[in-house]
C-alpha cells in the first residue's frame, strides 16, 4: 500500500533537511517536496521538536534559513 501524501511530504521534508545539513545538493529534493506540497492534504504532525532544535542548533545561518523556510511551507498544511 503506497504512503499517503502527508506521510510522503514529511519524509521528503526530513530528507531535504538532512541533505542540507550534510552539504548535499537539495534541488531535486526541494522540487519533489514542492510537488507534494501542491497537493491537498492535512498534517497532524508536530513540528515542536524541529522548532526547539532550531533555536539551539549550531548550524550556519544559511542552513537555518533553509530549514525555517521549508518548515513554514509545510506547516501551511497543518491543522490547528
N, C-alpha and C. Protein backbone atom coordinates (compact mmCIF):
# COMPACT_ATOMS: atom_id res chain seq x y z
N UNK A 1 0.84 -1.18 0.00
CA UNK A 1 0.00 0.00 0.00
C UNK A 1 0.89 1.25 0.00
N UNK A 2 0.68 2.14 -0.96
CA UNK A 2 1.51 3.35 -1.02
C UNK A 2 1.23 4.29 0.15
N UNK A 3 2.24 5.05 0.51
CA UNK A 3 2.09 6.02 1.60
C UNK A 3 1.16 7.15 1.18
N UNK A 4 0.45 7.70 2.14
CA UNK A 4 -0.39 8.85 1.88
C UNK A 4 0.50 10.06 1.58
N UNK A 5 -0.06 11.04 0.89
CA UNK A 5 0.69 12.24 0.51
C UNK A 5 1.29 12.90 1.75
N UNK A 6 0.53 12.98 2.83
CA UNK A 6 1.04 13.65 4.03
C UNK A 6 2.28 12.94 4.58
N UNK A 7 2.31 11.62 4.51
CA UNK A 7 3.47 10.86 5.00
C UNK A 7 4.66 11.02 4.07
N UNK A 8 4.41 11.05 2.78
CA UNK A 8 5.50 11.26 1.81
C UNK A 8 6.06 12.67 1.96
N UNK A 9 5.19 13.65 2.24
CA UNK A 9 5.64 15.03 2.41
C UNK A 9 6.55 15.16 3.63
N UNK A 10 6.18 14.56 4.74
CA UNK A 10 7.02 14.60 5.95
C UNK A 10 8.37 13.92 5.67
N UNK A 11 8.33 12.78 5.03
CA UNK A 11 9.57 12.08 4.70
C UNK A 11 10.48 12.91 3.82
N UNK A 12 9.90 13.56 2.82
CA UNK A 12 10.69 14.39 1.91
C UNK A 12 11.21 15.63 2.63
N UNK A 13 10.41 16.20 3.50
CA UNK A 13 10.82 17.36 4.32
C UNK A 13 12.06 16.99 5.15
N UNK A 14 12.01 15.87 5.82
CA UNK A 14 13.14 15.43 6.65
C UNK A 14 14.36 15.10 5.78
N UNK A 15 14.12 14.52 4.60
CA UNK A 15 15.22 14.23 3.68
C UNK A 15 15.91 15.53 3.24
N UNK A 16 15.13 16.55 2.90
CA UNK A 16 15.70 17.82 2.48
C UNK A 16 16.53 18.46 3.59
N UNK A 17 16.03 18.42 4.82
CA UNK A 17 16.78 18.96 5.95
C UNK A 17 18.09 18.21 6.12
N UNK A 18 18.03 16.90 6.07
CA UNK A 18 19.23 16.08 6.24
C UNK A 18 20.26 16.38 5.16
N UNK A 19 19.83 16.44 3.92
CA UNK A 19 20.76 16.72 2.82
C UNK A 19 21.39 18.09 2.97
N UNK A 20 20.61 19.08 3.37
CA UNK A 20 21.16 20.43 3.56
C UNK A 20 22.21 20.42 4.66
N UNK A 21 21.92 19.74 5.76
CA UNK A 21 22.88 19.67 6.87
C UNK A 21 24.16 18.96 6.47
N UNK A 22 24.06 18.02 5.52
CA UNK A 22 25.23 17.28 5.06
C UNK A 22 25.90 17.92 3.84
N UNK A 23 25.48 19.14 3.52
CA UNK A 23 26.02 19.88 2.38
C UNK A 23 25.86 19.14 1.06
N UNK A 24 24.74 18.42 0.93
CA UNK A 24 24.42 17.73 -0.31
C UNK A 24 23.48 18.60 -1.14
N UNK A 25 23.40 18.31 -2.43
CA UNK A 25 22.50 19.03 -3.32
C UNK A 25 21.06 18.75 -2.92
N UNK A 26 20.28 19.81 -2.75
CA UNK A 26 18.89 19.65 -2.33
C UNK A 26 17.90 20.02 -3.44
N UNK A 27 18.39 20.31 -4.64
CA UNK A 27 17.50 20.80 -5.69
C UNK A 27 16.42 19.78 -6.06
N UNK A 28 16.79 18.53 -6.25
CA UNK A 28 15.79 17.50 -6.58
C UNK A 28 14.84 17.28 -5.42
N UNK A 29 15.38 17.28 -4.23
CA UNK A 29 14.59 17.05 -3.02
C UNK A 29 13.55 18.15 -2.85
N UNK A 30 13.97 19.40 -2.99
CA UNK A 30 13.02 20.51 -2.80
C UNK A 30 11.99 20.54 -3.92
N UNK A 31 12.39 20.15 -5.13
CA UNK A 31 11.42 20.07 -6.23
C UNK A 31 10.36 19.01 -5.93
N UNK A 32 10.81 17.87 -5.42
CA UNK A 32 9.87 16.80 -5.04
C UNK A 32 8.94 17.28 -3.93
N UNK A 33 9.50 17.98 -2.94
CA UNK A 33 8.68 18.47 -1.83
C UNK A 33 7.67 19.50 -2.33
N UNK A 34 8.11 20.40 -3.20
CA UNK A 34 7.19 21.40 -3.76
C UNK A 34 6.02 20.73 -4.46
N UNK A 35 6.31 19.66 -5.20
CA UNK A 35 5.26 18.90 -5.89
C UNK A 35 4.28 18.31 -4.88
N UNK A 36 4.79 17.72 -3.82
CA UNK A 36 3.92 17.15 -2.79
C UNK A 36 3.10 18.23 -2.10
N UNK A 37 3.73 19.38 -1.84
CA UNK A 37 3.03 20.46 -1.14
C UNK A 37 1.96 21.12 -2.01
N UNK A 38 2.01 20.90 -3.30
CA UNK A 38 0.99 21.45 -4.18
C UNK A 38 -0.30 20.64 -4.12
N UNK A 39 -0.23 19.47 -3.50
CA UNK A 39 -1.40 18.61 -3.38
C UNK A 39 -2.19 18.96 -2.12
N UNK A 40 -3.41 18.49 -2.09
CA UNK A 40 -4.30 18.81 -0.98
C UNK A 40 -4.21 17.72 0.09
N UNK A 41 -3.75 18.09 1.27
CA UNK A 41 -3.68 17.17 2.41
C UNK A 41 -3.60 17.97 3.69
N UNK A 42 -3.83 17.30 4.80
CA UNK A 42 -3.77 17.94 6.11
C UNK A 42 -2.80 17.16 7.00
N UNK A 43 -1.94 17.90 7.68
CA UNK A 43 -0.98 17.29 8.60
C UNK A 43 -1.45 17.42 10.04
N UNK A 44 -1.15 16.42 10.82
CA UNK A 44 -1.35 16.50 12.26
C UNK A 44 0.00 16.36 12.98
N UNK A 45 1.05 16.25 12.21
CA UNK A 45 2.41 16.05 12.73
C UNK A 45 2.86 17.28 13.51
N UNK A 46 3.56 17.10 14.61
CA UNK A 46 4.05 18.20 15.43
C UNK A 46 5.45 18.63 14.97
N UNK A 47 5.63 19.92 14.85
CA UNK A 47 6.94 20.48 14.48
C UNK A 47 7.67 21.05 15.69
N UNK A 48 7.16 20.77 16.88
CA UNK A 48 7.75 21.32 18.10
C UNK A 48 9.22 20.96 18.27
N UNK A 49 9.58 19.73 17.97
CA UNK A 49 10.98 19.30 18.13
C UNK A 49 11.90 20.02 17.15
N UNK A 50 11.44 20.17 15.92
CA UNK A 50 12.24 20.89 14.91
C UNK A 50 12.41 22.34 15.35
N UNK A 51 11.30 22.98 15.72
CA UNK A 51 11.35 24.39 16.15
C UNK A 51 12.27 24.57 17.35
N UNK A 52 12.18 23.69 18.31
CA UNK A 52 13.01 23.77 19.50
C UNK A 52 14.49 23.56 19.15
N UNK A 53 14.76 22.56 18.32
CA UNK A 53 16.14 22.27 17.92
C UNK A 53 16.74 23.46 17.18
N UNK A 54 15.95 24.09 16.29
CA UNK A 54 16.47 25.21 15.51
C UNK A 54 16.94 26.37 16.39
N UNK A 55 16.29 26.57 17.52
CA UNK A 55 16.67 27.66 18.42
C UNK A 55 18.08 27.47 18.97
N UNK A 56 18.49 26.22 19.16
CA UNK A 56 19.78 25.92 19.77
C UNK A 56 20.82 25.37 18.79
N UNK A 57 20.41 25.04 17.58
CA UNK A 57 21.30 24.36 16.64
C UNK A 57 22.51 25.21 16.27
N UNK A 58 23.67 24.57 16.29
CA UNK A 58 24.91 25.22 15.91
C UNK A 58 25.16 24.95 14.43
N UNK A 59 24.35 25.62 13.60
CA UNK A 59 24.45 25.47 12.15
C UNK A 59 24.52 26.86 11.52
N UNK A 60 24.94 26.92 10.28
CA UNK A 60 25.08 28.21 9.60
C UNK A 60 23.72 28.90 9.45
N UNK A 61 23.77 30.21 9.30
CA UNK A 61 22.54 30.97 9.09
C UNK A 61 21.83 30.53 7.82
N UNK A 62 22.60 30.18 6.80
CA UNK A 62 22.04 29.70 5.53
C UNK A 62 21.24 28.41 5.74
N UNK A 63 21.80 27.49 6.46
CA UNK A 63 21.11 26.22 6.72
C UNK A 63 19.88 26.44 7.58
N UNK A 64 20.02 27.29 8.58
CA UNK A 64 18.89 27.58 9.46
C UNK A 64 17.75 28.23 8.67
N UNK A 65 18.09 29.19 7.81
CA UNK A 65 17.07 29.87 7.00
C UNK A 65 16.37 28.89 6.06
N UNK A 66 17.13 27.97 5.49
CA UNK A 66 16.57 26.95 4.60
C UNK A 66 15.55 26.10 5.35
N UNK A 67 15.93 25.64 6.53
CA UNK A 67 15.05 24.77 7.33
C UNK A 67 13.81 25.54 7.78
N UNK A 68 13.97 26.78 8.17
CA UNK A 68 12.83 27.59 8.58
C UNK A 68 11.87 27.77 7.40
N UNK A 69 12.41 28.04 6.22
CA UNK A 69 11.57 28.22 5.03
C UNK A 69 10.78 26.96 4.73
N UNK A 70 11.47 25.81 4.74
CA UNK A 70 10.78 24.53 4.49
C UNK A 70 9.71 24.27 5.53
N UNK A 71 10.04 24.54 6.78
CA UNK A 71 9.10 24.30 7.88
C UNK A 71 7.86 25.17 7.73
N UNK A 72 8.05 26.43 7.38
CA UNK A 72 6.91 27.31 7.19
C UNK A 72 6.04 26.85 6.02
N UNK A 73 6.68 26.38 4.96
CA UNK A 73 5.93 25.89 3.80
C UNK A 73 5.06 24.69 4.18
N UNK A 74 5.64 23.73 4.85
CA UNK A 74 4.90 22.50 5.16
C UNK A 74 3.87 22.74 6.26
N UNK A 75 4.11 23.69 7.16
CA UNK A 75 3.16 23.98 8.23
C UNK A 75 1.84 24.52 7.68
N UNK A 76 1.83 25.02 6.48
CA UNK A 76 0.59 25.53 5.88
C UNK A 76 -0.45 24.42 5.74
N UNK A 77 0.00 23.17 5.80
CA UNK A 77 -0.89 22.02 5.69
C UNK A 77 -1.29 21.46 7.05
N UNK A 78 -0.84 22.11 8.11
CA UNK A 78 -1.09 21.59 9.46
C UNK A 78 -2.45 22.04 9.99
N UNK A 79 -3.13 21.13 10.66
CA UNK A 79 -4.38 21.50 11.32
C UNK A 79 -4.04 22.27 12.58
N UNK A 80 -4.92 23.11 13.00
CA UNK A 80 -4.69 23.95 14.19
C UNK A 80 -4.95 23.18 15.46
